[in-house]
Amino acid sequence: MVKKQPEKWLKMEIEANAQVMDALGNFLTETGAQGVFQEALEPQSPGDFPEQSDTEKIHAYFPDDARVGKRISTIQNYLDSLSQIFPEFKKPSLKTEVISDPDWGEQWKKYFKPIRVSGNIIVKPTWERYSPSSRDIIIEIDPGMAFGTGQHASTRMCLQAVEDIILKDRSIKNWKVLDVGCGTGILGITAAKLGAQDVIGVDIDKKAVEIARENAAINEVDDCIKFINRDVKTLNESRNLIIANLTAKLLLELGEHLKNLLVPNGYMVISGIVEPDRQAIEENFCIAPFIQDAVITEKEWVCYALKKSDRDI
């Protein structure tokens, strides 16, 4: 029996600082959103303050049912809490309207299209067709209720860095990868598609882990990936490639633990960093025994590929 889609939906648009978008997107899905997507906003004028130019918009769609009032109140309270946690950011704004569109539950998918994120990697949603060339590596992702489709700059840069590292360093025959905050599993899955045979992905969001496992199966790499619902601080397995697309705040909190998990001559890819946080990140990560292997930038976003030397520098 096919489940009937609601005839009316609550359309919600939130403008907030780019650094809180991943957390906000996850919160919206946990609150019951049936479709979530985000877009970057350009500064309205050259005189805009930096925190205003870093603003992005997130769209979410909820069934217009008896719980809609409580959901709006819950989300507004969450936005107020973000303002208290990050007083330096522009206060998030919330707009809502009820729309009549019985098919929106499927139509939101039109916002996710196949994209080439690097020379060889194509990320596509499972429902889109794509004719690959012989060299293309196809990553199929069904975002479900988790974030991570390759659309965001921080994810794209991570994918580019991972591809470059694995294809470039032929001295490492057995890649042991850790994907921190795995979301949809896109980064760990990409590492596996590039040849890694031992991949662990961790996320504190149980639903994200379930979706990551489903995506690994879709990409036929579930035999070499283990997605687990736990705090990365409880892991003690050594890795030679660690990928962490988080926020600068989380990277700084987890930094020492991640450094200890990485073996000498291993690589760490960190992303989710915006320009104002570069100095703090570099002071904590770009120091001995780590050297910068690459720095990738896109607008205000920065991604570092670091290599851990086997000797003090």
C-alpha atoms as a PDB file:
ATOM      1  CA  MET A   1       0.000   0.000   0.000  1.00  0.00           C
ATOM      2  CA  VAL A   2       1.437   3.382  -1.041  1.00  0.00           C
ATOM      3  CA  LYS A   3       1.488   5.930   1.744  1.00  0.00           C
ATOM      4  CA  LYS A   4      -0.523   9.017   0.824  1.00  0.00           C
ATOM      5  CA  GLN A   5       1.485  12.227   0.833  1.00  0.00           C
ATOM      6  CA  PRO A   6       0.091  15.230   2.763  1.00  0.00           C
ATOM      7  CA  GLU A   7      -1.737  17.749   0.608  1.00  0.00           C
ATOM      8  CA  LYS A   8      -0.387  20.726   2.562  1.00  0.00           C
ATOM      9  CA  TRP A   9       3.135  21.386   3.774  1.00  0.00           C
ATOM     10  CA  LEU A  10       4.782  23.870   6.070  1.00  0.00           C
ATOM     11  CA  LYS A  11       7.601  25.491   4.113  1.00  0.00           C
ATOM     12  CA  MET A  12      10.352  26.810   6.371  1.00  0.00           C
ATOM     13  CA  GLU A  13      13.280  29.031   5.372  1.00  0.00           C
ATOM     14  CA  ILE A  14      16.061  29.809   7.823  1.00  0.00           C
ATOM     15  CA  GLU A  15      19.018  32.110   7.245  1.00  0.00           C
ATOM     16  CA  ALA A  16      21.970  31.473   9.540  1.00  0.00           C
ATOM     17  CA  ASN A  17      25.746  31.449   9.671  1.00  0.00           C
ATOM     18  CA  ALA A  18      27.318  28.789   7.454  1.00  0.00           C
ATOM     19  CA  GLN A  19      29.155  27.217  10.393  1.00  0.00           C
ATOM     20  CA  VAL A  20      25.937  26.037  12.054  1.00  0.00           C
ATOM     21  CA  MET A  21      24.273  24.696   8.892  1.00  0.00           C
ATOM     22  CA  ASP A  22      25.184  21.021   9.317  1.00  0.00           C
ATOM     23  CA  ALA A  23      23.963  20.974  12.920  1.00  0.00           C
ATOM     24  CA  LEU A  24      20.830  22.879  11.937  1.00  0.00           C
ATOM     25  CA  GLY A  25      20.099  20.540   9.029  1.00  0.00           C
ATOM     26  CA  ASN A  26      20.399  17.495  11.272  1.00  0.00           C
ATOM     27  CA  PHE A  27      18.157  19.106  13.877  1.00  0.00           C
ATOM     28  CA  LEU A  28      15.467  19.871  11.299  1.00  0.00           C
ATOM     29  CA  THR A  29      15.405  16.290  10.063  1.00  0.00           C
ATOM     30  CA  GLU A  30      15.271  15.003  13.637  1.00  0.00           C
ATOM     31  CA  THR A  31      12.314  17.343  14.236  1.00  0.00           C
ATOM     32  CA  GLY A  32      10.389  15.764  11.369  1.00  0.00           C
ATOM     33  CA  ALA A  33      11.384  17.553   8.158  1.00  0.00           C
ATOM     34  CA  GLN A  34      10.628  15.431   5.083  1.00  0.00           C
ATOM     35  CA  GLY A  35      12.947  17.414   2.817  1.00  0.00           C
ATOM     36  CA  VAL A  36      15.950  19.615   3.670  1.00  0.00           C
ATOM     37  CA  PHE A  37      18.337  21.453   1.369  1.00  0.00           C
ATOM     38  CA  GLN A  38      20.584  24.474   1.680  1.00  0.00           C
ATOM     39  CA  GLU A  39      21.915  27.239  -0.499  1.00  0.00           C
ATOM     40  CA  ALA A  40      24.753  29.734  -0.154  1.00  0.00           C
ATOM     41  CA  LEU A  41      23.846  33.408  -0.135  1.00  0.00           C
ATOM     42  CA  GLU A  42      26.008  36.081  -1.700  1.00  0.00           C
ATOM     43  CA  PRO A  43      26.759  39.272   0.266  1.00  0.00           C
ATOM     44  CA  GLN A  44      24.067  41.850  -0.460  1.00  0.00           C
ATOM     45  CA  SER A  45      26.646  44.594  -0.909  1.00  0.00           C
ATOM     46  CA  PRO A  46      30.448  45.021  -0.797  1.00  0.00           C
ATOM     47  CA  GLY A  47      30.035  46.713   2.582  1.00  0.00           C
ATOM     48  CA  ASP A  48      28.439  43.727   4.312  1.00  0.00           C
ATOM     49  CA  PHE A  49      30.089  42.551   7.513  1.00  0.00           C
ATOM     50  CA  PRO A  50      32.010  39.240   7.236  1.00  0.00           C
ATOM     51  CA  GLU A  51      29.509  37.390   9.407  1.00  0.00           C
ATOM     52  CA  GLN A  52      26.700  38.502   7.073  1.00  0.00           C
ATOM     53  CA  SER A  53      28.500  37.340   3.938  1.00  0.00           C
ATOM     54  CA  ASP A  54      28.949  33.931   5.561  1.00  0.00           C
ATOM     55  CA  THR A  55      25.186  33.459   5.735  1.00  0.00           C
ATOM     56  CA  GLU A  56      23.448  30.514   4.099  1.00  0.00           C
ATOM     57  CA  LYS A  57      19.792  29.617   3.737  1.00  0.00           C
ATOM     58  CA  ILE A  58      18.277  26.271   4.605  1.00  0.00           C
ATOM     59  CA  HIS A  59      14.867  25.106   3.393  1.00  0.00           C
ATOM     60  CA  ALA A  60      12.812  22.490   5.207  1.00  0.00           C
ATOM     61  CA  TYR A  61       9.395  20.995   4.522  1.00  0.00           C
ATOM     62  CA  PHE A  62       7.108  19.544   7.188  1.00  0.00           C
ATOM     63  CA  PRO A  63       3.656  17.986   6.919  1.00  0.00           C
ATOM     64  CA  ASP A  64       1.064  20.600   7.928  1.00  0.00           C
ATOM     65  CA  ASP A  65      -0.446  18.476  10.678  1.00  0.00           C
ATOM     66  CA  ALA A  66      -1.482  18.837  14.314  1.00  0.00           C
ATOM     67  CA  ARG A  67       2.172  18.944  15.437  1.00  0.00           C
ATOM     68  CA  VAL A  68       3.211  21.875  13.249  1.00  0.00           C
ATOM     69  CA  GLY A  69       2.795  24.536  15.953  1.00  0.00           C
ATOM     70  CA  LYS A  70       4.949  22.591  18.404  1.00  0.00           C
ATOM     71  CA  ARG A  71       7.591  22.047  15.717  1.00  0.00           C
ATOM     72  CA  ILE A  72       7.806  25.765  14.939  1.00  0.00           C
ATOM     73  CA  SER A  73       8.189  26.541  18.652  1.00  0.00           C
ATOM     74  CA  THR A  74      10.857  23.833  19.078  1.00  0.00           C
ATOM     75  CA  ILE A  75      12.843  25.101  16.093  1.00  0.00           C
ATOM     76  CA  GLN A  76      12.604  28.739  17.196  1.00  0.00           C
ATOM     77  CA  ASN A  77      13.911  27.760  20.635  1.00  0.00           C
ATOM     78  CA  TYR A  78      16.800  25.932  18.959  1.00  0.00           C
ATOM     79  CA  LEU A  79      17.638  29.015  16.869  1.00  0.00           C
ATOM     80  CA  ASP A  80      17.570  31.151  20.032  1.00  0.00           C
ATOM     81  CA  SER A  81      19.998  28.718  21.668  1.00  0.00           C
ATOM     82  CA  LEU A  82      22.337  29.005  18.665  1.00  0.00           C
ATOM     83  CA  SER A  83      22.361  32.777  19.141  1.00  0.00           C
ATOM     84  CA  GLN A  84      23.419  32.308  22.751  1.00  0.00           C
ATOM     85  CA  ILE A  85      26.123  29.781  21.879  1.00  0.00           C
ATOM     86  CA  PHE A  86      27.451  31.868  18.964  1.00  0.00           C
ATOM     87  CA  PRO A  87      26.805  35.528  19.871  1.00  0.00           C
ATOM     88  CA  GLU A  88      29.361  36.639  17.268  1.00  0.00           C
ATOM     89  CA  PHE A  89      27.149  35.343  14.433  1.00  0.00           C
ATOM     90  CA  LYS A  90      24.214  37.138  12.886  1.00  0.00           C
ATOM     91  CA  LYS A  91      20.995  36.009  14.591  1.00  0.00           C
ATOM     92  CA  PRO A  92      19.221  33.286  12.559  1.00  0.00           C
ATOM     93  CA  SER A  93      15.971  34.349  10.873  1.00  0.00           C
ATOM     94  CA  LEU A  94      12.950  32.080  10.380  1.00  0.00           C
ATOM     95  CA  LYS A  95      10.155  32.377   7.810  1.00  0.00           C
ATOM     96  CA  THR A  96       7.261  29.957   7.433  1.00  0.00           C
ATOM     97  CA  GLU A  97       4.346  29.512   5.063  1.00  0.00           C
ATOM     98  CA  VAL A  98       1.833  26.788   4.310  1.00  0.00           C
ATOM     99  CA  ILE A  99       1.822  25.578   0.716  1.00  0.00           C
ATOM    100  CA  SER A 100      -0.540  23.295  -1.169  1.00  0.00           C
ATOM    101  CA  ASP A 101       1.622  20.773  -2.964  1.00  0.00           C
ATOM    102  CA  PRO A 102       0.715  17.134  -2.454  1.00  0.00           C
ATOM    103  CA  ASP A 103       3.831  15.973  -4.323  1.00  0.00           C
ATOM    104  CA  TRP A 104       6.428  17.997  -2.409  1.00  0.00           C
ATOM    105  CA  GLY A 105       7.540  14.881  -0.530  1.00  0.00           C
ATOM    106  CA  GLU A 106       9.198  13.789  -3.792  1.00  0.00           C
ATOM    107  CA  GLN A 107       9.781  17.108  -5.546  1.00  0.00           C
ATOM    108  CA  TRP A 108      12.458  18.230  -3.060  1.00  0.00           C
ATOM    109  CA  LYS A 109      14.730  15.675  -4.694  1.00  0.00           C
ATOM    110  CA  LYS A 110      15.027  17.866  -7.790  1.00  0.00           C
ATOM    111  CA  TYR A 111      17.494  20.024  -5.873  1.00  0.00           C
ATOM    112  CA  PHE A 112      20.057  17.200  -5.811  1.00  0.00           C
ATOM    113  CA  LYS A 113      21.704  16.604  -9.188  1.00  0.00           C
ATOM    114  CA  PRO A 114      24.818  14.647 -10.220  1.00  0.00           C
ATOM    115  CA  ILE A 115      27.934  16.743  -9.716  1.00  0.00           C
ATOM    116  CA  ARG A 116      31.587  16.232 -10.585  1.00  0.00           C
ATOM    117  CA  VAL A 117      33.498  17.012  -7.422  1.00  0.00           C
ATOM    118  CA  SER A 118      36.949  16.211  -8.804  1.00  0.00           C
ATOM    119  CA  GLY A 119      38.676  14.897 -11.872  1.00  0.00           C
ATOM    120  CA  ASN A 120      37.214  11.415 -11.529  1.00  0.00           C
ATOM    121  CA  ILE A 121      34.557  11.475  -8.797  1.00  0.00           C
ATOM    122  CA  ILE A 122      30.882  11.955  -9.611  1.00  0.00           C
ATOM    123  CA  VAL A 123      28.394  12.164  -6.761  1.00  0.00           C
ATOM    124  CA  LYS A 124      24.821  11.445  -7.731  1.00  0.00           C
ATOM    125  CA  PRO A 125      21.580  10.838  -5.872  1.00  0.00           C
ATOM    126  CA  THR A 126      20.213   7.336  -6.296  1.00  0.00           C
ATOM    127  CA  TRP A 127      17.169   8.539  -8.223  1.00  0.00           C
ATOM    128  CA  GLU A 128      19.125  10.385 -10.960  1.00  0.00           C
ATOM    129  CA  ARG A 129      20.491   8.762 -14.107  1.00  0.00           C
ATOM    130  CA  TYR A 130      24.043   9.454 -15.255  1.00  0.00           C
ATOM    131  CA  SER A 131      26.154   8.057 -18.101  1.00  0.00           C
ATOM    132  CA  PRO A 132      29.732   7.803 -16.789  1.00  0.00           C
ATOM    133  CA  SER A 133      32.946   7.783 -18.751  1.00  0.00           C
ATOM    134  CA  SER A 134      35.371   4.897 -18.324  1.00  0.00           C
ATOM    135  CA  ARG A 135      37.417   6.821 -15.726  1.00  0.00           C
ATOM    136  CA  ASP A 136      34.517   8.125 -13.632  1.00  0.00           C
ATOM    137  CA  ILE A 137      34.079   6.850 -10.089  1.00  0.00           C
ATOM    138  CA  ILE A 138      30.374   7.039  -9.255  1.00  0.00           C
ATOM    139  CA  ILE A 139      29.281   7.623  -5.664  1.00  0.00           C
ATOM    140  CA  GLU A 140      25.544   7.098  -5.239  1.00  0.00           C
ATOM    141  CA  ILE A 141      24.026   8.770  -2.196  1.00  0.00           C
ATOM    142  CA  ASP A 142      20.515   8.719  -0.799  1.00  0.00           C
ATOM    143  CA  PRO A 143      20.647  11.464   1.857  1.00  0.00           C
ATOM    144  CA  GLY A 144      17.489  10.270   3.600  1.00  0.00           C
ATOM    145  CA  MET A 145      17.465  12.018   6.973  1.00  0.00           C
ATOM    146  CA  ALA A 146      21.214  12.741   7.072  1.00  0.00           C
ATOM    147  CA  PHE A 147      23.395  15.506   5.669  1.00  0.00           C
ATOM    148  CA  GLY A 148      26.144  15.008   3.104  1.00  0.00           C
ATOM    149  CA  THR A 149      25.472  14.914  -0.627  1.00  0.00           C
ATOM    150  CA  GLY A 150      28.605  16.544  -2.020  1.00  0.00           C
ATOM    151  CA  GLN A 151      26.715  19.750  -2.708  1.00  0.00           C
ATOM    152  CA  HIS A 152      28.451  21.722   0.042  1.00  0.00           C
ATOM    153  CA  ALA A 153      31.913  23.209  -0.448  1.00  0.00           C
ATOM    154  CA  SER A 154      33.358  21.595   2.684  1.00  0.00           C
ATOM    155  CA  THR A 155      32.314  18.122   1.489  1.00  0.00           C
ATOM    156  CA  ARG A 156      33.537  18.691  -2.071  1.00  0.00           C
ATOM    157  CA  MET A 157      36.949  19.784  -0.872  1.00  0.00           C
ATOM    158  CA  CYS A 158      37.214  16.729   1.389  1.00  0.00           C
ATOM    159  CA  LEU A 159      36.407  14.463  -1.542  1.00  0.00           C
ATOM    160  CA  GLN A 160      39.051  16.156  -3.679  1.00  0.00           C
ATOM    161  CA  ALA A 161      41.673  15.804  -0.940  1.00  0.00           C
ATOM    162  CA  VAL A 162      40.871  12.133  -0.292  1.00  0.00           C
ATOM    163  CA  GLU A 163      41.091  11.282  -3.983  1.00  0.00           C
ATOM    164  CA  ASP A 164      44.408  13.096  -4.351  1.00  0.00           C
ATOM    165  CA  ILE A 165      45.963  11.418  -1.300  1.00  0.00           C
ATOM    166  CA  ILE A 166      44.921   7.855  -2.105  1.00  0.00           C
ATOM    167  CA  LEU A 167      45.835   8.046  -5.777  1.00  0.00           C
ATOM    168  CA  LYS A 168      49.104   9.885  -5.148  1.00  0.00           C
ATOM    169  CA  ASP A 169      50.709   7.931  -2.294  1.00  0.00           C
ATOM    170  CA  ARG A 170      51.385   4.480  -3.710  1.00  0.00           C
ATOM    171  CA  SER A 171      53.642   3.614  -0.768  1.00  0.00           C
ATOM    172  CA  ILE A 172      50.582   2.854   1.366  1.00  0.00           C
ATOM    173  CA  LYS A 173      49.175  -0.500   0.250  1.00  0.00           C
ATOM    174  CA  ASN A 174      46.546  -0.934   2.951  1.00  0.00           C
ATOM    175  CA  TRP A 175      44.534   2.191   3.664  1.00  0.00           C
ATOM    176  CA  LYS A 176      42.948   2.216   7.118  1.00  0.00           C
ATOM    177  CA  VAL A 177      40.456   5.077   7.075  1.00  0.00           C
ATOM    178  CA  LEU A 178      38.447   6.837   9.785  1.00  0.00           C
ATOM    179  CA  ASP A 179      35.514   9.062   8.764  1.00  0.00           C
ATOM    180  CA  VAL A 180      34.589  11.258  11.741  1.00  0.00           C
ATOM    181  CA  GLY A 181      30.987  12.473  11.794  1.00  0.00           C
ATOM    182  CA  CYS A 182      30.140  10.298   8.806  1.00  0.00           C
ATOM    183  CA  GLY A 183      26.643  11.641   8.048  1.00  0.00           C
ATOM    184  CA  THR A 184      25.498   9.917   4.847  1.00  0.00           C
ATOM    185  CA  GLY A 185      28.822   8.076   4.681  1.00  0.00           C
ATOM    186  CA  ILE A 186      29.883   9.842   1.504  1.00  0.00           C
ATOM    187  CA  LEU A 187      33.526  10.367   2.519  1.00  0.00           C
ATOM    188  CA  GLY A 188      34.169   6.856   3.799  1.00  0.00           C
ATOM    189  CA  ILE A 189      32.366   5.361   0.806  1.00  0.00           C
ATOM    190  CA  THR A 190      34.531   7.409  -1.549  1.00  0.00           C
ATOM    191  CA  ALA A 191      37.685   6.164   0.177  1.00  0.00           C
ATOM    192  CA  ALA A 192      36.451   2.590  -0.282  1.00  0.00           C
ATOM    193  CA  LYS A 193      35.622   3.166  -3.951  1.00  0.00           C
ATOM    194  CA  LEU A 194      39.179   4.485  -4.369  1.00  0.00           C
ATOM    195  CA  GLY A 195      40.581   1.232  -2.987  1.00  0.00           C
ATOM    196  CA  ALA A 196      40.579   1.463   0.809  1.00  0.00           C
ATOM    197  CA  GLN A 197      39.792  -1.952   2.304  1.00  0.00           C
ATOM    198  CA  ASP A 198      39.390  -0.989   5.973  1.00  0.00           C
ATOM    199  CA  VAL A 199      37.076   1.973   6.619  1.00  0.00           C
ATOM    200  CA  ILE A 200      35.422   2.977   9.886  1.00  0.00           C
ATOM    201  CA  GLY A 201      32.805   5.721  10.024  1.00  0.00           C
ATOM    202  CA  VAL A 202      31.506   7.122  13.306  1.00  0.00           C
ATOM    203  CA  ASP A 203      28.614   9.421  14.103  1.00  0.00           C
ATOM    204  CA  ILE A 204      26.748  10.204  17.307  1.00  0.00           C
ATOM    205  CA  ASP A 205      23.524  10.373  15.247  1.00  0.00           C
ATOM    206  CA  LYS A 206      22.019   6.867  15.138  1.00  0.00           C
ATOM    207  CA  LYS A 207      19.854   7.663  12.099  1.00  0.00           C
ATOM    208  CA  ALA A 208      22.863   8.953  10.158  1.00  0.00           C
ATOM    209  CA  VAL A 209      24.690   5.681  10.814  1.00  0.00           C
ATOM    210  CA  GLU A 210      21.724   3.685   9.527  1.00  0.00           C
ATOM    211  CA  ILE A 211      21.618   5.764   6.334  1.00  0.00           C
ATOM    212  CA  ALA A 212      25.402   5.497   5.888  1.00  0.00           C
ATOM    213  CA  ARG A 213      25.136   1.709   6.063  1.00  0.00           C
ATOM    214  CA  GLU A 214      22.392   1.748   3.423  1.00  0.00           C
ATOM    215  CA  ASN A 215      24.525   3.957   1.166  1.00  0.00           C
ATOM    216  CA  ALA A 216      27.514   1.639   1.577  1.00  0.00           C
ATOM    217  CA  ALA A 217      25.336  -1.238   0.398  1.00  0.00           C
ATOM    218  CA  ILE A 218      24.062   0.789  -2.568  1.00  0.00           C
ATOM    219  CA  ASN A 219      27.682   1.428  -3.593  1.00  0.00           C
ATOM    220  CA  GLU A 220      28.619  -2.212  -2.978  1.00  0.00           C
ATOM    221  CA  VAL A 221      31.379  -1.399  -0.488  1.00  0.00           C
ATOM    222  CA  ASP A 222      29.622  -2.560   2.689  1.00  0.00           C
ATOM    223  CA  ASP A 223      32.064  -5.453   2.968  1.00  0.00           C
ATOM    224  CA  CYS A 224      34.955  -3.105   3.768  1.00  0.00           C
ATOM    225  CA  ILE A 225      33.163  -0.350   5.716  1.00  0.00           C
ATOM    226  CA  LYS A 226      31.941  -0.390   9.305  1.00  0.00           C
ATOM    227  CA  PHE A 227      29.675   2.504  10.331  1.00  0.00           C
ATOM    228  CA  ILE A 228      29.135   2.739  14.076  1.00  0.00           C
ATOM    229  CA  ASN A 229      27.062   4.911  16.395  1.00  0.00           C
ATOM    230  CA  ARG A 230      29.509   6.143  19.014  1.00  0.00           C
ATOM    231  CA  ASP A 231      31.746   9.006  20.103  1.00  0.00           C
ATOM    232  CA  VAL A 232      35.060   9.023  18.270  1.00  0.00           C
ATOM    233  CA  LYS A 233      36.833   9.567  21.591  1.00  0.00           C
ATOM    234  CA  THR A 234      36.026   5.967  22.488  1.00  0.00           C
ATOM    235  CA  LEU A 235      37.991   4.668  19.488  1.00  0.00           C
ATOM    236  CA  ASN A 236      41.627   3.666  19.837  1.00  0.00           C
ATOM    237  CA  GLU A 237      42.342   1.921  16.516  1.00  0.00           C
ATOM    238  CA  SER A 238      45.300   3.378  14.618  1.00  0.00           C
ATOM    239  CA  ARG A 239      44.521   4.776  11.171  1.00  0.00           C
ATOM    240  CA  ASN A 240      46.630   6.038   8.273  1.00  0.00           C
ATOM    241  CA  LEU A 241      43.911   8.330   6.864  1.00  0.00           C
ATOM    242  CA  ILE A 242      41.533  10.334   9.043  1.00  0.00           C
ATOM    243  CA  ILE A 243      38.805  12.475   7.475  1.00  0.00           C
ATOM    244  CA  ALA A 244      36.970  15.004   9.656  1.00  0.00           C
ATOM    245  CA  ASN A 245      34.483  17.362   8.015  1.00  0.00           C
ATOM    246  CA  LEU A 246      33.185  19.060  11.154  1.00  0.00           C
ATOM    247  CA  THR A 247      33.314  22.588  12.547  1.00  0.00           C
ATOM    248  CA  ALA A 248      36.414  24.381  13.743  1.00  0.00           C
ATOM    249  CA  LYS A 249      35.130  24.140  17.310  1.00  0.00           C
ATOM    250  CA  LEU A 250      34.737  20.366  17.121  1.00  0.00           C
ATOM    251  CA  LEU A 251      38.052  19.926  15.342  1.00  0.00           C
ATOM    252  CA  LEU A 252      39.821  21.782  18.124  1.00  0.00           C
ATOM    253  CA  GLU A 253      38.034  19.687  20.770  1.00  0.00           C
ATOM    254  CA  LEU A 254      38.894  16.383  19.069  1.00  0.00           C
ATOM    255  CA  GLY A 255      42.272  17.394  17.678  1.00  0.00           C
ATOM    256  CA  GLU A 256      44.597  15.690  20.165  1.00  0.00           C
ATOM    257  CA  HIS A 257      42.678  12.428  20.073  1.00  0.00           C
ATOM    258  CA  LEU A 258      42.644  12.343  16.271  1.00  0.00           C
ATOM    259  CA  LYS A 259      46.353  13.136  16.109  1.00  0.00           C
ATOM    260  CA  ASN A 260      47.083  10.216  18.425  1.00  0.00           C
ATOM    261  CA  LEU A 261      45.048   7.828  16.270  1.00  0.00           C
ATOM    262  CA  LEU A 262      47.045   8.737  13.158  1.00  0.00           C
ATOM    263  CA  VAL A 263      50.176   6.678  12.475  1.00  0.00           C
ATOM    264  CA  PRO A 264      53.447   8.251  11.259  1.00  0.00           C
ATOM    265  CA  ASN A 265      53.373   8.965   7.507  1.00  0.00           C
ATOM    266  CA  GLY A 266      49.556   8.950   7.695  1.00  0.00           C
ATOM    267  CA  TYR A 267      47.260  11.690   6.459  1.00  0.00           C
ATOM    268  CA  MET A 268      44.548  13.796   8.034  1.00  0.00           C
ATOM    269  CA  VAL A 269      41.949  15.743   6.042  1.00  0.00           C
ATOM    270  CA  ILE A 270      40.089  18.400   8.043  1.00  0.00           C
ATOM    271  CA  SER A 271      37.322  20.550   6.640  1.00  0.00           C
ATOM    272  CA  GLY A 272      34.278  22.574   7.680  1.00  0.00           C
ATOM    273  CA  ILE A 273      36.609  25.504   8.455  1.00  0.00           C
ATOM    274  CA  VAL A 274      35.842  29.111   7.566  1.00  0.00           C
ATOM    275  CA  GLU A 275      38.403  31.865   7.073  1.00  0.00           C
ATOM    276  CA  PRO A 276      38.046  33.493  10.532  1.00  0.00           C
ATOM    277  CA  ASP A 277      39.035  30.163  12.140  1.00  0.00           C
ATOM    278  CA  ARG A 278      42.111  29.462   9.993  1.00  0.00           C
ATOM    279  CA  GLN A 279      44.620  30.846  12.485  1.00  0.00           C
ATOM    280  CA  ALA A 280      43.336  28.751  15.395  1.00  0.00           C
ATOM    281  CA  ILE A 281      43.269  25.610  13.231  1.00  0.00           C
ATOM    282  CA  GLU A 282      46.772  26.185  11.875  1.00  0.00           C
ATOM    283  CA  GLU A 283      48.164  26.846  15.347  1.00  0.00           C
ATOM    284  CA  ASN A 284      46.767  23.507  16.537  1.00  0.00           C
ATOM    285  CA  PHE A 285      47.153  21.271  13.491  1.00  0.00           C
ATOM    286  CA  CYS A 286      49.833  22.695  11.204  1.00  0.00           C
ATOM    287  CA  ILE A 287      52.614  22.059  13.713  1.00  0.00           C
ATOM    288  CA  ALA A 288      55.211  19.328  14.193  1.00  0.00           C
ATOM    289  CA  PRO A 289      55.006  16.498  13.478  1.00  0.00           C
ATOM    290  CA  PHE A 290      52.389  17.587  10.896  1.00  0.00           C
ATOM    291  CA  ILE A 291      53.152  19.227   7.586  1.00  0.00           C
ATOM    292  CA  GLN A 292      50.702  20.728   5.110  1.00  0.00           C
ATOM    293  CA  ASP A 293      50.276  18.430   2.143  1.00  0.00           C
ATOM    294  CA  ALA A 294      47.642  20.653   0.504  1.00  0.00           C
ATOM    295  CA  VAL A 295      45.281  23.514   1.266  1.00  0.00           C
ATOM    296  CA  ILE A 296      42.050  23.765  -0.716  1.00  0.00           C
ATOM    297  CA  THR A 297      39.814  26.836  -0.566  1.00  0.00           C
ATOM    298  CA  GLU A 298      36.393  27.660  -1.954  1.00  0.00           C
ATOM    299  CA  LYS A 299      34.943  31.055  -1.120  1.00  0.00           C
ATOM    300  CA  GLU A 300      35.173  31.332   2.695  1.00  0.00           C
ATOM    301  CA  TRP A 301      35.695  27.593   3.218  1.00  0.00           C
ATOM    302  CA  VAL A 302      39.068  25.948   3.834  1.00  0.00           C
ATOM    303  CA  CYS A 303      40.198  22.315   3.804  1.00  0.00           C
ATOM    304  CA  TYR A 304      43.610  21.054   4.966  1.00  0.00           C
ATOM    305  CA  ALA A 305      45.337  17.857   3.938  1.00  0.00           C
ATOM    306  CA  LEU A 306      48.050  17.161   6.515  1.00  0.00           C
ATOM    307  CA  LYS A 307      50.741  14.482   6.681  1.00  0.00           C
ATOM    308  CA  LYS A 308      52.184  13.220   9.948  1.00  0.00           C
ATOM    309  CA  SER A 309      55.948  13.002   9.704  1.00  0.00           C
ATOM    310  CA  ASP A 310      57.806  10.031  11.182  1.00  0.00           C
ATOM    311  CA  ARG A 311      60.255  12.424  12.772  1.00  0.00           C
ATOM    312  CA  ASP A 312      60.128  15.758  14.586  1.00  0.00           C
ATOM    313  CA  ILE A 313      60.387  18.784  12.314  1.00  0.00           C
END
